[in-house]
PDB file of N, CA and C in Angstrom:
ATOM      1  N   GLN A   1     208.988 103.966 -21.176  1.00  0.00           N
ATOM      2  CA  GLN A   1     209.134 105.561 -20.910  1.00  0.00           C
ATOM      3  C   GLN A   1     207.647 106.222 -21.355  1.00  0.00           C
ATOM      4  N   VAL A   2     207.136 105.270 -22.714  1.00  0.00           N
ATOM      5  CA  VAL A   2     205.921 106.269 -23.408  1.00  0.00           C
ATOM      6  C   VAL A   2     204.778 105.406 -22.641  1.00  0.00           C
ATOM      7  N   ALA A   3     204.667 104.672 -21.850  1.00  0.00           N
ATOM      8  CA  ALA A   3     203.870 103.742 -21.204  1.00  0.00           C
ATOM      9  C   ALA A   3     203.748 104.735 -19.742  1.00  0.00           C
ATOM     10  N   GLU A   4     204.789 105.099 -19.485  1.00  0.00           N
ATOM     11  CA  GLU A   4     204.791 105.843 -17.938  1.00  0.00           C
ATOM     12  C   GLU A   4     203.875 107.168 -18.088  1.00  0.00           C
ATOM     13  N   TRP A   5     204.425 107.943 -19.667  1.00  0.00           N
ATOM     14  CA  TRP A   5     203.958 109.221 -19.863  1.00  0.00           C
ATOM     15  C   TRP A   5     202.350 109.153 -20.022  1.00  0.00           C
ATOM     16  N   ASP A   6     202.080 107.868 -20.305  1.00  0.00           N
ATOM     17  CA  ASP A   6     200.569 107.566 -21.143  1.00  0.00           C
ATOM     18  C   ASP A   6     199.933 107.374 -19.769  1.00  0.00           C
ATOM     19  N   GLN A   7     200.401 106.974 -19.139  1.00  0.00           N
ATOM     20  CA  GLN A   7     199.925 106.549 -17.463  1.00  0.00           C
ATOM     21  C   GLN A   7     199.505 107.659 -17.146  1.00  0.00           C
ATOM     22  N   PHE A   8     200.760 108.719 -16.588  1.00  0.00           N
ATOM     23  CA  PHE A   8     200.659 109.984 -16.458  1.00  0.00           C
ATOM     24  C   PHE A   8     199.751 111.022 -16.547  1.00  0.00           C
ATOM     25  N   HIS A   9     199.952 110.928 -17.887  1.00  0.00           N
ATOM     26  CA  HIS A   9     198.446 112.048 -19.056  1.00  0.00           C
ATOM     27  C   HIS A   9     197.295 111.446 -18.643  1.00  0.00           C
ATOM     28  N   ALA A  10     197.175 110.080 -18.522  1.00  0.00           N
ATOM     29  CA  ALA A  10     195.634 109.488 -18.166  1.00  0.00           C
ATOM     30  C   ALA A  10     195.380 110.350 -16.953  1.00  0.00           C
ATOM     31  N   THR A  11     195.912 110.156 -15.898  1.00  0.00           N
ATOM     32  CA  THR A  11     195.587 110.419 -14.558  1.00  0.00           C
ATOM     33  C   THR A  11     195.572 111.866 -14.458  1.00  0.00           C
ATOM     34  N   GLU A  12     196.316 112.427 -15.458  1.00  0.00           N
ATOM     35  CA  GLU A  12     196.258 114.064 -15.064  1.00  0.00           C
ATOM     36  C   GLU A  12     194.943 114.706 -15.748  1.00  0.00           C
ATOM     37  N   MET A  13     194.689 113.783 -16.872  1.00  0.00           N
ATOM     38  CA  MET A  13     193.505 114.269 -17.758  1.00  0.00           C
ATOM     39  C   MET A  13     192.151 113.850 -16.817  1.00  0.00           C
ATOM     40  N   ASP A  14     192.196 112.783 -16.254  1.00  0.00           N
ATOM     41  CA  ASP A  14     191.506 112.209 -15.496  1.00  0.00           C
ATOM     42  C   ASP A  14     191.133 113.340 -13.935  1.00  0.00           C
ATOM     43  N   ARG A  15     191.942 113.760 -13.456  1.00  0.00           N
ATOM     44  CA  ARG A  15     192.333 114.714 -12.348  1.00  0.00           C
ATOM     45  C   ARG A  15     191.544 115.816 -12.754  1.00  0.00           C
ATOM     46  N   LEU A  16     191.768 116.596 -13.665  1.00  0.00           N
ATOM     47  CA  LEU A  16     191.329 117.774 -14.512  1.00  0.00           C
ATOM     48  C   LEU A  16     189.846 117.567 -14.683  1.00  0.00           C
ATOM     49  N   ARG A  17     189.237 116.533 -15.325  1.00  0.00           N
ATOM     50  CA  ARG A  17     188.014 116.069 -15.651  1.00  0.00           C
ATOM     51  C   ARG A  17     187.058 116.297 -14.258  1.00  0.00           C
ATOM     52  N   GLN A  18     187.697 115.925 -13.298  1.00  0.00           N
ATOM     53  CA  GLN A  18     186.920 115.663 -11.834  1.00  0.00           C
ATOM     54  C   GLN A  18     187.061 117.364 -11.048  1.00  0.00           C
ATOM     55  N   SER A  19     187.963 117.710 -11.363  1.00  0.00           N
ATOM     56  CA  SER A  19     188.352 119.067 -10.838  1.00  0.00           C
ATOM     57  C   SER A  19     187.008 119.996 -11.651  1.00  0.00           C
ATOM     58  N   HIS A  20     186.827 119.623 -12.875  1.00  0.00           N
ATOM     59  CA  HIS A  20     186.108 120.537 -13.474  1.00  0.00           C
ATOM     60  C   HIS A  20     184.857 120.333 -13.238  1.00  0.00           C
ATOM     61  N   VAL A  21     184.321 119.039 -13.284  1.00  0.00           N
ATOM     62  CA  VAL A  21     183.011 118.306 -12.431  1.00  0.00           C
ATOM     63  C   VAL A  21     182.538 118.997 -11.211  1.00  0.00           C
ATOM     64  N   PHE A  22     183.271 119.032 -10.315  1.00  0.00           N
ATOM     65  CA  PHE A  22     183.266 119.611  -8.865  1.00  0.00           C
ATOM     66  C   PHE A  22     182.614 120.996  -9.315  1.00  0.00           C
ATOM     67  N   GLU A  23     183.647 121.877  -9.916  1.00  0.00           N
ATOM     68  CA  GLU A  23     183.712 123.149 -10.242  1.00  0.00           C
ATOM     69  C   GLU A  23     182.249 123.762 -10.753  1.00  0.00           C
ATOM     70  N   MET A  24     181.852 122.877 -11.545  1.00  0.00           N
ATOM     71  CA  MET A  24     180.532 122.678 -12.415  1.00  0.00           C
ATOM     72  C   MET A  24     179.507 122.717 -11.389  1.00  0.00           C
ATOM     73  N   GLN A  25     179.547 121.480 -10.062  1.00  0.00           N
ATOM     74  CA  GLN A  25     178.321 121.306  -9.364  1.00  0.00           C
ATOM     75  C   GLN A  25     178.426 122.187  -8.065  1.00  0.00           C
ATOM     76  N   ASP A  26     179.595 122.923  -8.002  1.00  0.00           N
ATOM     77  CA  ASP A  26     179.846 124.176  -7.057  1.00  0.00           C
ATOM     78  C   ASP A  26     179.241 125.450  -7.339  1.00  0.00           C
ATOM     79  N   LEU A  27     179.434 125.948  -8.650  1.00  0.00           N
ATOM     80  CA  LEU A  27     178.905 126.822  -9.381  1.00  0.00           C
ATOM     81  C   LEU A  27     177.324 126.838  -9.453  1.00  0.00           C
ATOM     82  N   LYS A  28     176.686 125.481 -10.187  1.00  0.00           N
ATOM     83  CA  LYS A  28     175.433 125.373  -9.708  1.00  0.00           C
ATOM     84  C   LYS A  28     174.595 125.179  -8.487  1.00  0.00           C
ATOM     85  N   TYR A  29     175.601 125.050  -7.580  1.00  0.00           N
ATOM     86  CA  TYR A  29     174.969 125.093  -6.253  1.00  0.00           C
ATOM     87  C   TYR A  29     174.686 126.619  -5.298  1.00  0.00           C
ATOM     88  N   THR A  30     175.703 127.032  -6.046  1.00  0.00           N
ATOM     89  CA  THR A  30     175.840 128.542  -5.905  1.00  0.00           C
ATOM     90  C   THR A  30     174.750 129.698  -6.710  1.00  0.00           C
ATOM     91  N   TRP A  31     174.776 129.366  -8.126  1.00  0.00           N
ATOM     92  CA  TRP A  31     173.601 129.829  -8.783  1.00  0.00           C
ATOM     93  C   TRP A  31     172.017 129.346  -8.280  1.00  0.00           C
ATOM     94  N   SER A  32     171.922 128.499  -7.815  1.00  0.00           N
ATOM     95  CA  SER A  32     170.628 127.931  -7.186  1.00  0.00           C
ATOM     96  C   SER A  32     170.396 128.803  -5.842  1.00  0.00           C
ATOM     97  N   THR A  33     171.346 128.759  -5.071  1.00  0.00           N
ATOM     98  CA  THR A  33     171.197 129.213  -3.743  1.00  0.00           C
ATOM     99  C   THR A  33     170.840 130.812  -4.056  1.00  0.00           C
ATOM    100  N   ALA A  34     171.728 131.584  -5.129  1.00  0.00           N
ATOM    101  CA  ALA A  34     171.412 132.941  -5.310  1.00  0.00           C
ATOM    102  C   ALA A  34     170.069 132.988  -5.940  1.00  0.00           C
ATOM    103  N   LEU A  35     169.695 132.117  -6.558  1.00  0.00           N
ATOM    104  CA  LEU A  35     168.136 132.200  -7.197  1.00  0.00           C
ATOM    105  C   LEU A  35     166.994 131.867  -6.354  1.00  0.00           C
ATOM    106  N   GLN A  36     167.545 131.384  -5.597  1.00  0.00           N
ATOM    107  CA  GLN A  36     166.435 130.980  -4.311  1.00  0.00           C
ATOM    108  C   GLN A  36     166.615 132.405  -3.379  1.00  0.00           C
ATOM    109  N   LYS A  37     167.518 132.974  -3.485  1.00  0.00           N
ATOM    110  CA  LYS A  37     167.576 134.208  -2.274  1.00  0.00           C
ATOM    111  C   LYS A  37     166.807 134.905  -3.355  1.00  0.00           C
ATOM    112  N   ASN A  38     167.148 135.603  -4.431  1.00  0.00           N
ATOM    113  CA  ASN A  38     166.779 135.961  -5.291  1.00  0.00           C
ATOM    114  C   ASN A  38     165.067 136.227  -5.123  1.00  0.00           C
ATOM    115  N   GLY A  39     164.678 135.263  -5.359  1.00  0.00           N
ATOM    116  CA  GLY A  39     163.574 135.162  -5.583  1.00  0.00           C
ATOM    117  C   GLY A  39     162.751 135.112  -4.769  1.00  0.00           C
ATOM    118  N   ALA A  40     163.396 134.858  -3.232  1.00  0.00           N
ATOM    119  CA  ALA A  40     162.417 134.953  -1.971  1.00  0.00           C
ATOM    120  C   ALA A  40     162.193 136.623  -1.795  1.00  0.00           C
ATOM    121  N   ARG A  41     163.785 137.064  -1.924  1.00  0.00           N
ATOM    122  CA  ARG A  41     163.449 139.311  -1.689  1.00  0.00           C
ATOM    123  C   ARG A  41     162.701 139.558  -2.983  1.00  0.00           C
ATOM    124  N   THR A  42     162.557 139.006  -4.240  1.00  0.00           N
ATOM    125  CA  THR A  42     161.604 139.521  -5.185  1.00  0.00           C
ATOM    126  C   THR A  42     159.739 139.525  -4.766  1.00  0.00           C
ATOM    127  N   ARG A  43     159.782 138.386  -4.229  1.00  0.00           N
ATOM    128  CA  ARG A  43     158.505 138.004  -3.693  1.00  0.00           C
ATOM    129  C   ARG A  43     158.534 138.770  -2.512  1.00  0.00           C
ATOM    130  N   ALA A  44     159.131 139.153  -1.555  1.00  0.00           N
ATOM    131  CA  ALA A  44     158.939 139.652  -0.586  1.00  0.00           C
ATOM    132  C   ALA A  44     158.669 141.410  -0.898  1.00  0.00           C
ATOM    133  N   SER A  45     159.928 141.643  -1.798  1.00  0.00           N
ATOM    134  CA  SER A  45     159.587 143.241  -2.325  1.00  0.00           C
ATOM    135  C   SER A  45     158.446 143.490  -3.009  1.00  0.00           C
ATOM    136  N   SER A  46     157.968 142.707  -3.752  1.00  0.00           N
ATOM    137  CA  SER A  46     156.817 142.877  -4.947  1.00  0.00           C
ATOM    138  C   SER A  46     155.775 142.903  -3.936  1.00  0.00           C
ATOM    139  N   SER A  47     155.270 142.155  -2.977  1.00  0.00           N
ATOM    140  CA  SER A  47     154.067 142.674  -2.370  1.00  0.00           C
ATOM    141  C   SER A  47     154.209 143.580  -1.893  1.00  0.00           C
ATOM    142  N   SER A  48     155.000 144.351  -1.360  1.00  0.00           N
ATOM    143  CA  SER A  48     155.119 145.760  -1.026  1.00  0.00           C
ATOM    144  C   SER A  48     155.451 146.889  -2.041  1.00  0.00           C
ATOM    145  N   SER A  49     155.703 146.518  -2.876  1.00  0.00           N
ATOM    146  CA  SER A  49     156.311 147.653  -4.141  1.00  0.00           C
ATOM    147  C   SER A  49     155.380 147.141  -5.442  1.00  0.00           C
ATOM    148  N   VAL A  50     155.192 148.788  -5.612  1.00  0.00           N
ATOM    149  CA  VAL A  50     153.855 148.608  -6.950  1.00  0.00           C
ATOM    150  C   VAL A  50     154.651 148.943  -8.277  1.00  0.00           C
ATOM    151  N   GLY A  51     154.580 148.689  -9.050  1.00  0.00           N
ATOM    152  CA  GLY A  51     155.391 148.646 -10.656  1.00  0.00           C
ATOM    153  C   GLY A  51     156.711 148.273 -11.009  1.00  0.00           C
ATOM    154  N   MET A  52     157.200 147.702  -9.846  1.00  0.00           N
ATOM    155  CA  MET A  52     158.057 146.947  -9.680  1.00  0.00           C
ATOM    156  C   MET A  52     158.126 145.582 -10.759  1.00  0.00           C
ATOM    157  N   ILE A  53     159.480 145.414 -11.414  1.00  0.00           N
ATOM    158  CA  ILE A  53     159.618 144.082 -12.444  1.00  0.00           C
ATOM    159  C   ILE A  53     159.764 142.870 -11.748  1.00  0.00           C
ATOM    160  N   PRO A  54     158.612 141.824 -11.794  1.00  0.00           N
ATOM    161  CA  PRO A  54     158.774 140.672 -11.157  1.00  0.00           C
ATOM    162  C   PRO A  54     159.527 140.150 -11.556  1.00  0.00           C
ATOM    163  N   HIS A  55     160.441 139.283 -10.775  1.00  0.00           N
ATOM    164  CA  HIS A  55     161.520 138.066 -11.397  1.00  0.00           C
ATOM    165  C   HIS A  55     160.635 137.289 -12.114  1.00  0.00           C
ATOM    166  N   GLU A  56     161.799 137.189 -13.164  1.00  0.00           N
ATOM    167  CA  GLU A  56     161.614 136.621 -14.508  1.00  0.00           C
ATOM    168  C   GLU A  56     162.374 135.333 -14.276  1.00  0.00           C
ATOM    169  N   PRO A  57     162.227 133.801 -13.669  1.00  0.00           N
ATOM    170  CA  PRO A  57     162.658 133.106 -13.525  1.00  0.00           C
ATOM    171  C   PRO A  57     163.505 132.190 -15.086  1.00  0.00           C
ATOM    172  N   SER A  58     162.676 132.581 -16.286  1.00  0.00           N
ATOM    173  CA  SER A  58     163.010 132.072 -17.271  1.00  0.00           C
ATOM    174  C   SER A  58     164.250 132.505 -17.360  1.00  0.00           C
ATOM    175  N   HIS A  59     164.382 134.040 -17.672  1.00  0.00           N
ATOM    176  CA  HIS A  59     165.658 134.832 -17.684  1.00  0.00           C
ATOM    177  C   HIS A  59     167.163 133.757 -17.081  1.00  0.00           C
ATOM    178  N   GLU A  60     166.519 133.692 -15.530  1.00  0.00           N
ATOM    179  CA  GLU A  60     167.640 133.222 -14.868  1.00  0.00           C
ATOM    180  C   GLU A  60     167.957 131.689 -15.260  1.00  0.00           C
ATOM    181  N   ASP A  61     166.843 131.398 -15.514  1.00  0.00           N
ATOM    182  CA  ASP A  61     167.332 129.546 -16.258  1.00  0.00           C
ATOM    183  C   ASP A  61     168.210 129.919 -17.221  1.00  0.00           C
ATOM    184  N   HIS A  62     167.989 130.580 -18.266  1.00  0.00           N
ATOM    185  CA  HIS A  62     168.422 130.743 -19.476  1.00  0.00           C
ATOM    186  C   HIS A  62     170.032 131.048 -19.168  1.00  0.00           C
ATOM    187  N   ARG A  63     170.151 131.973 -18.195  1.00  0.00           N
ATOM    188  CA  ARG A  63     171.562 132.461 -17.468  1.00  0.00           C
ATOM    189  C   ARG A  63     172.325 131.356 -17.084  1.00  0.00           C
ATOM    190  N   VAL A  64     171.877 130.177 -16.427  1.00  0.00           N
ATOM    191  CA  VAL A  64     172.492 129.063 -15.864  1.00  0.00           C
ATOM    192  C   VAL A  64     172.686 128.415 -16.896  1.00  0.00           C
ATOM    193  N   ALA A  65     171.615 128.154 -17.903  1.00  0.00           N
ATOM    194  CA  ALA A  65     172.029 126.963 -18.799  1.00  0.00           C
ATOM    195  C   ALA A  65     173.573 127.429 -19.442  1.00  0.00           C
ATOM    196  N   GLU A  66     173.607 128.830 -19.933  1.00  0.00           N
ATOM    197  CA  GLU A  66     174.496 129.485 -20.569  1.00  0.00           C
ATOM    198  C   GLU A  66     175.856 129.191 -19.885  1.00  0.00           C
ATOM    199  N   LEU A  67     176.090 129.303 -18.388  1.00  0.00           N
ATOM    200  CA  LEU A  67     176.722 128.764 -17.631  1.00  0.00           C
ATOM    201  C   LEU A  67     177.197 127.811 -17.806  1.00  0.00           C
ATOM    202  N   GLU A  68     176.445 126.553 -17.855  1.00  0.00           N
ATOM    203  CA  GLU A  68     176.974 125.194 -17.856  1.00  0.00           C
ATOM    204  C   GLU A  68     177.519 124.690 -19.185  1.00  0.00           C
ATOM    205  N   LYS A  69     176.835 125.536 -20.180  1.00  0.00           N
ATOM    206  CA  LYS A  69     177.610 125.268 -21.737  1.00  0.00           C
ATOM    207  C   LYS A  69     178.689 125.589 -21.704  1.00  0.00           C
ATOM    208  N   THR A  70     179.278 126.952 -20.966  1.00  0.00           N
ATOM    209  CA  THR A  70     180.506 127.391 -21.012  1.00  0.00           C
ATOM    210  C   THR A  70     181.348 126.226 -20.223  1.00  0.00           C
ATOM    211  N   ILE A  71     181.164 125.820 -19.078  1.00  0.00           N
ATOM    212  CA  ILE A  71     181.665 124.876 -18.357  1.00  0.00           C
ATOM    213  C   ILE A  71     182.175 123.832 -18.829  1.00  0.00           C
ATOM    214  N   LYS A  72     180.956 123.477 -19.753  1.00  0.00           N
ATOM    215  CA  LYS A  72     181.074 122.225 -20.602  1.00  0.00           C
ATOM    216  C   LYS A  72     182.320 122.045 -21.365  1.00  0.00           C
ATOM    217  N   GLN A  73     182.094 123.577 -22.426  1.00  0.00           N
ATOM    218  CA  GLN A  73     183.197 123.496 -23.423  1.00  0.00           C
ATOM    219  C   GLN A  73     184.489 123.576 -22.862  1.00  0.00           C
ATOM    220  N   LYS A  74     184.687 124.269 -21.457  1.00  0.00           N
ATOM    221  CA  LYS A  74     186.082 124.176 -21.421  1.00  0.00           C
ATOM    222  C   LYS A  74     186.744 122.918 -20.478  1.00  0.00           C
ATOM    223  N   VAL A  75     185.551 121.931 -20.078  1.00  0.00           N
ATOM    224  CA  VAL A  75     186.324 120.388 -19.748  1.00  0.00           C
ATOM    225  C   VAL A  75     186.276 119.936 -20.956  1.00  0.00           C
ATOM    226  N   GLN A  76     185.540 120.000 -22.088  1.00  0.00           N
ATOM    227  CA  GLN A  76     185.918 119.391 -23.267  1.00  0.00           C
ATOM    228  C   GLN A  76     187.702 120.344 -24.167  1.00  0.00           C
ATOM    229  N   GLN A  77     187.623 121.420 -23.712  1.00  0.00           N
ATOM    230  CA  GLN A  77     188.670 122.278 -24.466  1.00  0.00           C
ATOM    231  C   GLN A  77     190.154 121.354 -23.225  1.00  0.00           C
ATOM    232  N   GLY A  78     189.761 121.290 -21.894  1.00  0.00           N
ATOM    233  CA  GLY A  78     190.884 120.709 -21.126  1.00  0.00           C
ATOM    234  C   GLY A  78     191.610 119.266 -21.517  1.00  0.00           C
ATOM    235  N   GLY A  79     190.115 118.607 -22.323  1.00  0.00           N
ATOM    236  CA  GLY A  79     190.277 117.248 -22.743  1.00  0.00           C
ATOM    237  C   GLY A  79     191.438 117.064 -23.919  1.00  0.00           C
ATOM    238  N   GLN A  80     190.889 117.968 -24.619  1.00  0.00           N
ATOM    239  CA  GLN A  80     191.847 117.912 -26.183  1.00  0.00           C
ATOM    240  C   GLN A  80     193.383 118.471 -25.847  1.00  0.00           C
ATOM    241  N   ARG A  81     193.543 118.720 -24.589  1.00  0.00           N
ATOM    242  CA  ARG A  81     195.286 119.124 -24.839  1.00  0.00           C
ATOM    243  C   ARG A  81     196.233 118.137 -24.494  1.00  0.00           C
TER     244      ARG A  81
END
């Protein structure tokens, strides 16, 4: 019975890890798409607007890195249960 539980637990943890990996990839894609659209809008509007703050990719990259860090922590916490 313990062996069955171990197998079930291993399978369930693998499923959760794969789910988190998929979620992370989906979020990266969503953020990447949003950043590309925002960059295109910013370039288009900055050519016609004076005094507008230019797009700061390093700030957006930092936000994406923070999001990835949070998701990795979530995955690690899921593995400790």
